[in-house]
Amino acid sequence: MNTKLLLNPFTKIAGFKALTIGVIGMLVAGFVSFYSHTHFDGVLNIHSGLASPIWVHFLWPFADVAFLGIWFTLFGIILSQSKIRIIDIFGTQAFAFLPLVPACLMGFSKSLDRLTEKLMGIDPKAIRLDMFPMNDLLMALIIFLITIPLTVWSGILIYNGFKESANLTHKKVIPVYIAGIFIGMILPKFLIGHFLLN
């Protein structure tokens, strides 16, 4: 496939079609992450190890995409000279979640849990690599090498999805995008944790 299309498929797909494909990916991620104990708890956030009710795992991807959709719709209306189609903004943001779907598998490996548990009982000044099982270190490295590129890819799709659907220049997109990512890493997690998980 064309590399340009991998990074910006939104010249070919948007609206209801992109939304439908994205929602299917989000449902798959929610279902699998329930069994792997993986959480997409904030925009581009991926954590594993905590067992939660299945509805929480289904909620995370939708909350992240909903935040981005609302955020980008608001600023798209303010900044764009073009007519904004809300279905395009939400569709592209749902589609941009797709690269994260494989990350829901990382929780099936317990290497990260074992490493975290061991780190919690060690003085930071006394940490040495030989304290940890080599197979856990290798698995953690593999997970890192897989999830980081997927997260970057999703971040690129989020950016290009907003740019295309709102028809904005890079100069206008960049500050809205950066603020949206940072706030989106915190706000959904805070709201869901405060109002639904307490």
Protein backbone atom coordinates (compact mmCIF):
# COMPACT_ATOMS: atom_id res chain seq x y z
CA MET A 1 0.00 0.00 0.00
CA ASN A 2 1.09 3.56 -0.67
CA THR A 3 2.89 5.00 2.37
CA LYS A 4 1.16 8.32 1.89
CA LEU A 5 -2.21 6.57 2.04
CA LEU A 6 -1.19 4.74 5.22
CA LEU A 7 -0.49 8.07 6.92
CA ASN A 8 -3.42 9.93 5.39
CA PRO A 9 -6.20 7.61 4.20
CA PHE A 10 -8.71 10.44 4.61
CA THR A 11 -8.31 11.59 1.04
CA LYS A 12 -10.10 8.32 0.21
CA ILE A 13 -12.26 7.57 3.23
CA ALA A 14 -14.22 9.70 5.69
CA GLY A 15 -17.74 10.19 6.98
CA PHE A 16 -20.01 7.26 7.80
CA LYS A 17 -17.75 4.64 6.20
CA ALA A 18 -14.73 5.72 8.28
CA LEU A 19 -16.94 5.90 11.38
CA THR A 20 -18.32 2.40 10.83
CA ILE A 21 -14.86 0.85 10.34
CA GLY A 22 -13.53 2.74 13.35
CA VAL A 23 -16.43 1.68 15.59
CA ILE A 24 -15.89 -1.97 14.65
CA GLY A 25 -12.22 -1.61 15.61
CA MET A 26 -13.18 0.05 18.89
CA LEU A 27 -15.63 -2.76 19.73
CA VAL A 28 -12.99 -5.40 18.98
CA ALA A 29 -10.49 -3.54 21.17
CA GLY A 30 -13.01 -3.24 23.99
CA PHE A 31 -13.88 -6.95 23.88
CA VAL A 32 -10.30 -8.23 23.71
CA SER A 33 -9.00 -5.72 26.27
CA PHE A 34 -11.49 -7.03 28.83
CA TYR A 35 -9.74 -10.41 28.73
CA SER A 36 -6.23 -8.97 28.48
CA HIS A 37 -6.89 -6.33 31.17
CA THR A 38 -5.75 -3.56 28.83
CA HIS A 39 -7.08 -0.01 29.16
CA PHE A 40 -7.13 2.79 26.57
CA ASP A 41 -7.58 5.26 29.41
CA GLY A 42 -7.06 8.57 27.60
CA VAL A 43 -6.12 9.62 24.10
CA LEU A 44 -3.07 7.56 23.00
CA ASN A 45 -2.82 6.06 26.51
CA ILE A 46 -2.41 2.29 26.82
CA HIS A 47 -2.05 0.52 30.18
CA SER A 48 -2.47 -3.07 31.28
CA GLY A 49 -2.78 -5.10 34.45
CA LEU A 50 -6.01 -3.85 36.05
CA ALA A 51 -9.11 -6.08 35.90
CA SER A 52 -12.29 -4.01 35.39
CA PRO A 53 -15.92 -4.61 34.39
CA ILE A 54 -16.34 -5.21 30.66
CA TRP A 55 -18.29 -1.96 30.17
CA VAL A 56 -15.22 0.01 31.27
CA HIS A 57 -13.10 -1.58 28.54
CA PHE A 58 -15.75 -0.83 25.92
CA LEU A 59 -16.14 2.73 27.21
CA TRP A 60 -12.49 3.84 26.97
CA PRO A 61 -12.09 3.89 23.17
CA PHE A 62 -15.45 5.60 22.68
CA ALA A 63 -14.69 8.21 25.35
CA ASP A 64 -11.32 9.01 23.73
CA VAL A 65 -12.80 9.34 20.24
CA ALA A 66 -15.78 11.34 21.55
CA PHE A 67 -13.44 13.81 23.24
CA LEU A 68 -11.38 14.29 20.08
CA GLY A 69 -14.52 14.58 17.95
CA ILE A 70 -16.02 17.27 20.18
CA TRP A 71 -12.69 19.11 20.55
CA PHE A 72 -11.94 19.17 16.82
CA THR A 73 -15.54 20.01 15.87
CA LEU A 74 -15.49 23.04 18.16
CA PHE A 75 -12.22 24.40 16.80
CA GLY A 76 -13.06 23.39 13.26
CA ILE A 77 -16.18 25.54 13.40
CA ILE A 78 -14.20 28.44 14.87
CA LEU A 79 -11.16 28.27 12.58
CA SER A 80 -12.30 26.84 9.26
CA GLN A 81 -13.60 28.87 6.36
CA SER A 82 -15.29 25.73 5.01
CA LYS A 83 -18.51 24.06 6.05
CA ILE A 84 -17.74 21.46 8.73
CA ARG A 85 -19.34 18.02 8.52
CA ILE A 86 -19.42 16.59 12.03
CA ILE A 87 -19.70 13.05 10.64
CA ASP A 88 -16.36 13.55 8.87
CA ILE A 89 -14.61 14.70 12.04
CA PHE A 90 -15.98 11.88 14.18
CA GLY A 91 -15.48 9.37 11.36
CA THR A 92 -11.83 10.22 10.85
CA GLN A 93 -11.12 10.18 14.60
CA ALA A 94 -12.78 6.78 15.01
CA PHE A 95 -10.74 5.48 12.07
CA ALA A 96 -7.57 6.93 13.62
CA PHE A 97 -8.05 4.60 16.59
CA LEU A 98 -7.47 1.51 14.40
CA PRO A 99 -3.65 1.33 14.76
CA LEU A 100 -4.12 0.97 18.54
CA VAL A 101 -6.34 -2.11 18.26
CA PRO A 102 -3.44 -4.64 18.22
CA ALA A 103 -2.16 -3.08 21.46
CA CYS A 104 -5.11 -4.66 23.30
CA LEU A 105 -3.17 -7.93 23.05
CA MET A 106 -0.23 -6.71 25.12
CA GLY A 107 -2.01 -7.41 28.40
CA PHE A 108 -1.97 -11.15 27.70
CA SER A 109 1.74 -11.06 28.49
CA LYS A 110 2.35 -10.84 32.23
CA SER A 111 5.96 -9.72 31.79
CA LEU A 112 5.14 -6.05 32.36
CA ASP A 113 3.17 -6.91 35.50
CA ARG A 114 6.04 -8.96 36.91
CA LEU A 115 8.60 -6.25 36.11
CA THR A 116 6.42 -3.54 37.68
CA GLU A 117 5.83 -5.63 40.79
CA LYS A 118 9.55 -6.31 41.18
CA LEU A 119 10.45 -2.63 40.63
CA MET A 120 8.06 -1.53 43.38
CA GLY A 121 10.03 -3.47 45.97
CA ILE A 122 13.51 -2.27 44.99
CA ASP A 123 15.41 0.84 45.97
CA PRO A 124 15.82 2.84 42.69
CA LYS A 125 19.52 3.33 43.44
CA ALA A 126 20.06 -0.41 43.67
CA ILE A 127 18.40 -1.40 40.38
CA ARG A 128 20.47 -3.68 38.13
CA LEU A 129 19.40 -5.46 34.94
CA ASP A 130 20.47 -8.84 36.30
CA MET A 131 17.74 -8.58 38.95
CA PHE A 132 15.06 -9.21 36.31
CA PRO A 133 14.33 -12.36 34.29
CA MET A 134 15.74 -11.99 30.78
CA ASN A 135 12.56 -13.32 29.14
CA ASP A 136 10.48 -10.61 30.87
CA LEU A 137 12.92 -7.91 29.78
CA LEU A 138 12.85 -9.16 26.19
CA MET A 139 9.05 -9.34 26.14
CA ALA A 140 8.81 -5.81 27.57
CA LEU A 141 11.17 -4.60 24.84
CA ILE A 142 9.11 -6.32 22.13
CA ILE A 143 5.89 -4.79 23.48
CA PHE A 144 7.56 -1.38 23.56
CA LEU A 145 8.87 -1.72 20.00
CA ILE A 146 5.40 -2.66 18.76
CA THR A 147 3.19 -0.26 20.71
CA ILE A 148 5.27 2.88 20.21
CA PRO A 149 5.08 2.84 16.38
CA LEU A 150 1.35 2.00 16.57
CA THR A 151 0.78 4.93 18.92
CA VAL A 152 2.76 7.28 16.65
CA TRP A 153 0.78 6.05 13.64
CA SER A 154 -2.51 6.68 15.45
CA GLY A 155 -1.29 10.17 16.42
CA ILE A 156 -0.48 10.94 12.77
CA LEU A 157 -3.93 9.75 11.69
CA ILE A 158 -5.57 11.91 14.37
CA TYR A 159 -3.69 14.93 13.01
CA ASN A 160 -4.43 14.25 9.35
CA GLY A 161 -8.04 13.36 10.10
CA PHE A 162 -8.62 16.73 11.70
CA LYS A 163 -6.74 18.61 9.01
CA GLU A 164 -8.67 16.97 6.16
CA SER A 165 -12.11 17.02 7.75
CA ALA A 166 -11.86 20.66 8.85
CA ASN A 167 -9.91 21.80 5.75
CA LEU A 168 -7.35 23.71 7.80
CA THR A 169 -3.72 24.69 7.28
CA HIS A 170 -0.92 23.14 9.35
CA LYS A 171 -0.50 26.49 11.13
CA LYS A 172 -4.04 26.28 12.51
CA VAL A 173 -4.08 22.54 13.11
CA ILE A 174 -0.87 22.21 15.14
CA PRO A 175 -1.82 24.13 18.34
CA VAL A 176 -5.34 22.66 18.42
CA TYR A 177 -3.92 19.16 17.88
CA ILE A 178 -1.22 19.45 20.56
CA ALA A 179 -3.64 20.85 23.14
CA GLY A 180 -6.22 18.20 22.25
CA ILE A 181 -3.77 15.34 22.68
CA PHE A 182 -2.49 16.57 26.04
CA ILE A 183 -5.95 17.36 27.44
CA GLY A 184 -7.30 14.14 25.96
CA MET A 185 -4.69 12.11 27.83
CA ILE A 186 -6.06 13.44 31.13
CA LEU A 187 -9.69 14.57 30.83
CA PRO A 188 -11.46 11.32 29.79
CA LYS A 189 -9.58 9.41 32.48
CA PHE A 190 -10.47 12.03 35.11
CA LEU A 191 -14.16 12.23 34.15
CA ILE A 192 -14.69 8.48 33.93
CA GLY A 193 -12.69 7.84 37.08
CA HIS A 194 -14.49 10.59 39.02
CA PHE A 195 -18.08 10.08 37.88
CA LEU A 196 -18.35 6.43 36.83
CA LEU A 197 -15.73 4.40 38.68
CA ASN A 198 -16.14 5.83 42.18
